[in-house]
Amino acid sequence: MDSSAKILAKRYARAYMNLDGKAYSAAAQTASLAKLEALRVVFSAAKPHLKILIHPAINSGVKLEVLGKVLGTVTGPAADFAGLLVRQGRFGLFEEVMRQCLALNDIFCGVVQAEVSSRYALSEGEVARIDKMIGCVTGKKVSLSQIISERVIGGFEIKVGDSLIDATVRGRLDALRAGLLKG
């Protein structure tokens, strides 16, 4: 996906989520999560028919009719939003819009997404220590997901946003190799 499409998806997400200027509260968080869930329901219903909904040769009237039949009794802002994307010829952005909505919700709720990659599953204690460490550094709540990766020989990698903490055996060997070649 090119950068202009990502920018457009971000704009659609901001418009759909409508979180600007709202104070963070339990009620606002609940409403935000309800919007995300409604969007997920619409997307899961429409996904099998994605080829029809994004095909350039099919006019928007037919696409709206297909979307109406696919959604059936699903109504509300999420269904209206999907209809808007169809009318604008931008239904292909729906998945990226959902990703952007999730990111906006995380920012709104003060949550940071993090991934820890390791060869084997980490113990609950290790995960809790990593979670606590990231929380202390970022000052936000952490949503930590574990990824089991064959490329990690030993140790682990932590990815938070664009930052990567490499505590793998391969990373240490690469650093040692670079130090030996440099000196």
Protein backbone atom coordinates (compact mmCIF):
# COMPACT_ATOMS: atom_id res chain seq x y z
CA MET A 1 0.00 0.00 0.00
CA ASP A 2 1.45 3.37 -0.98
CA SER A 3 1.87 6.26 1.43
CA SER A 4 -1.01 8.32 0.01
CA ALA A 5 -3.41 5.41 0.63
CA LYS A 6 -2.13 5.10 4.21
CA ILE A 7 -2.65 8.81 4.77
CA LEU A 8 -6.16 8.55 3.38
CA ALA A 9 -6.90 5.51 5.57
CA LYS A 10 -5.68 7.43 8.61
CA ARG A 11 -8.03 10.31 7.77
CA TYR A 12 -10.98 7.97 7.39
CA ALA A 13 -10.06 6.31 10.72
CA ARG A 14 -9.90 9.66 12.50
CA ALA A 15 -13.29 10.62 11.09
CA TYR A 16 -14.86 7.29 12.08
CA MET A 17 -13.41 7.11 15.59
CA ASN A 18 -14.09 10.81 16.32
CA LEU A 19 -11.84 10.86 19.40
CA ASP A 20 -10.39 14.35 18.94
CA GLY A 21 -10.97 16.59 21.90
CA LYS A 22 -12.64 13.90 24.02
CA ALA A 23 -11.42 13.32 27.53
CA TYR A 24 -10.25 9.83 28.35
CA SER A 25 -12.85 8.20 30.56
CA ALA A 26 -14.26 4.75 31.11
CA ALA A 27 -17.40 5.66 29.17
CA ALA A 28 -15.38 7.07 26.25
CA GLN A 29 -13.18 3.97 26.21
CA THR A 30 -16.24 1.71 26.18
CA ALA A 31 -17.76 3.69 23.30
CA SER A 32 -14.47 3.51 21.40
CA LEU A 33 -14.24 -0.26 21.86
CA ALA A 34 -17.86 -0.63 20.73
CA LYS A 35 -17.05 1.28 17.53
CA LEU A 36 -14.06 -0.99 16.90
CA GLU A 37 -16.13 -4.12 17.48
CA ALA A 38 -18.86 -2.91 15.12
CA LEU A 39 -16.23 -2.22 12.46
CA ARG A 40 -14.77 -5.71 12.96
CA VAL A 41 -18.23 -7.28 12.55
CA VAL A 42 -18.85 -5.38 9.31
CA PHE A 43 -15.43 -6.27 7.93
CA SER A 44 -15.70 -9.96 8.78
CA ALA A 45 -19.10 -10.08 7.07
CA ALA A 46 -17.85 -8.23 3.97
CA LYS A 47 -14.42 -9.89 3.64
CA PRO A 48 -15.60 -12.93 1.62
CA HIS A 49 -17.09 -10.51 -0.92
CA LEU A 50 -14.08 -8.19 -1.07
CA LYS A 51 -13.36 -8.84 -4.75
CA ILE A 52 -16.81 -7.63 -5.74
CA LEU A 53 -16.72 -4.64 -3.39
CA ILE A 54 -13.40 -3.34 -4.75
CA HIS A 55 -13.72 -4.32 -8.42
CA PRO A 56 -13.43 -1.16 -10.56
CA ALA A 57 -15.77 -2.39 -13.32
CA ILE A 58 -18.74 -2.89 -10.98
CA ASN A 59 -20.67 0.30 -10.31
CA SER A 60 -21.24 1.55 -6.78
CA GLY A 61 -25.01 0.88 -6.90
CA VAL A 62 -24.43 -2.83 -7.39
CA LYS A 63 -21.70 -2.81 -4.73
CA LEU A 64 -24.03 -1.11 -2.24
CA GLU A 65 -26.71 -3.69 -3.00
CA VAL A 66 -24.20 -6.51 -2.38
CA LEU A 67 -23.03 -4.84 0.83
CA GLY A 68 -26.63 -4.49 2.02
CA LYS A 69 -27.33 -8.17 1.42
CA VAL A 70 -24.05 -9.21 3.05
CA LEU A 71 -24.65 -7.12 6.16
CA GLY A 72 -28.31 -8.10 6.41
CA THR A 73 -29.62 -6.76 9.70
CA VAL A 74 -26.32 -5.13 10.72
CA THR A 75 -26.94 -1.40 10.92
CA GLY A 76 -25.37 1.57 12.60
CA PRO A 77 -22.36 3.82 12.11
CA ALA A 78 -20.03 0.99 11.04
CA ALA A 79 -22.40 -0.19 8.29
CA ASP A 80 -22.93 3.43 7.19
CA PHE A 81 -19.16 3.91 7.15
CA ALA A 82 -18.69 0.81 4.97
CA GLY A 83 -21.34 2.19 2.60
CA LEU A 84 -19.47 5.49 2.44
CA LEU A 85 -16.26 3.68 1.50
CA VAL A 86 -18.12 1.79 -1.25
CA ARG A 87 -19.67 4.99 -2.64
CA GLN A 88 -16.30 6.72 -2.62
CA GLY A 89 -14.63 3.74 -4.33
CA ARG A 90 -12.33 3.25 -1.36
CA PHE A 91 -13.50 -0.03 0.13
CA GLY A 92 -10.04 -1.44 -0.58
CA LEU A 93 -8.78 0.75 2.28
CA PHE A 94 -11.10 -0.88 4.82
CA GLU A 95 -8.47 -3.17 6.36
CA GLU A 96 -5.93 -0.35 6.69
CA VAL A 97 -8.63 1.90 8.16
CA MET A 98 -9.27 -0.79 10.79
CA ARG A 99 -5.54 -0.91 11.65
CA GLN A 100 -5.48 2.88 11.95
CA CYS A 101 -8.61 2.81 14.15
CA LEU A 102 -6.89 0.33 16.47
CA ALA A 103 -3.79 2.53 16.63
CA LEU A 104 -5.91 5.62 17.39
CA ASN A 105 -7.75 3.72 20.12
CA ASP A 106 -4.43 2.67 21.67
CA ILE A 107 -3.22 6.27 21.68
CA PHE A 108 -6.52 7.45 23.15
CA CYS A 109 -6.43 4.82 25.90
CA GLY A 110 -2.72 5.31 26.66
CA VAL A 111 -1.71 1.83 25.54
CA VAL A 112 1.52 0.91 23.77
CA GLN A 113 1.72 -2.23 21.64
CA ALA A 114 4.83 -4.36 22.12
CA GLU A 115 6.02 -7.70 20.77
CA VAL A 116 8.55 -10.04 22.28
CA SER A 117 10.04 -12.65 19.95
CA SER A 118 11.82 -15.71 21.29
CA ARG A 119 12.61 -19.26 20.28
CA TYR A 120 10.42 -20.75 22.99
CA ALA A 121 7.52 -19.42 25.05
CA LEU A 122 8.65 -17.20 27.91
CA SER A 123 7.53 -17.89 31.45
CA GLU A 124 4.85 -15.75 33.05
CA GLY A 125 7.50 -14.17 35.28
CA GLU A 126 9.67 -13.18 32.33
CA VAL A 127 6.69 -11.74 30.49
CA ALA A 128 5.66 -9.79 33.60
CA ARG A 129 9.20 -8.36 33.99
CA ILE A 130 9.32 -7.30 30.33
CA ASP A 131 5.83 -5.79 30.62
CA LYS A 132 6.83 -3.87 33.75
CA MET A 133 10.09 -2.67 32.16
CA ILE A 134 8.33 -1.35 29.04
CA GLY A 135 5.66 0.28 31.20
CA CYS A 136 8.30 2.07 33.27
CA VAL A 137 10.14 3.32 30.18
CA THR A 138 7.07 4.46 28.23
CA GLY A 139 4.85 5.48 31.15
CA LYS A 140 1.89 3.78 29.45
CA LYS A 141 -0.08 0.58 29.78
CA VAL A 142 1.48 -2.20 27.74
CA SER A 143 -0.23 -4.70 25.47
CA LEU A 144 2.47 -7.33 25.08
CA SER A 145 2.21 -10.16 22.57
CA GLN A 146 4.57 -13.11 22.41
CA ILE A 147 5.87 -14.40 19.09
CA ILE A 148 7.62 -17.73 18.81
CA SER A 149 10.21 -17.38 16.06
CA GLU A 150 12.56 -19.98 14.62
CA ARG A 151 15.02 -17.27 13.52
CA VAL A 152 15.79 -16.43 17.15
CA ILE A 153 18.47 -18.88 18.28
CA GLY A 154 18.44 -17.81 21.91
CA GLY A 155 17.43 -14.78 23.94
CA PHE A 156 14.65 -12.47 22.78
CA GLU A 157 13.81 -9.33 20.81
CA ILE A 158 11.43 -6.67 22.03
CA LYS A 159 9.75 -4.39 19.51
CA VAL A 160 7.94 -1.30 20.77
CA GLY A 161 6.74 0.94 17.97
CA ASP A 162 9.79 1.60 15.80
CA SER A 163 12.28 0.64 18.51
CA LEU A 164 13.90 -2.78 18.68
CA ILE A 165 15.76 -4.15 21.68
CA ASP A 166 17.88 -7.05 20.49
CA ALA A 167 18.90 -9.41 23.30
CA THR A 168 19.35 -12.42 21.05
CA VAL A 169 22.40 -14.63 20.68
CA ARG A 170 22.56 -13.66 16.98
CA GLY A 171 22.53 -9.97 17.94
CA ARG A 172 25.37 -10.47 20.41
CA LEU A 173 27.39 -12.41 17.84
CA ASP A 174 26.82 -9.68 15.23
CA ALA A 175 27.94 -7.01 17.71
CA LEU A 176 31.04 -9.05 18.58
CA ARG A 177 31.82 -9.53 14.87
CA ALA A 178 31.42 -5.80 14.21
CA GLY A 179 33.68 -4.99 17.16
CA LEU A 180 36.38 -7.39 15.96
CA LEU A 181 36.28 -6.08 12.39
CA LYS A 182 36.34 -2.47 13.59
CA GLY A 183 39.24 -2.81 16.04
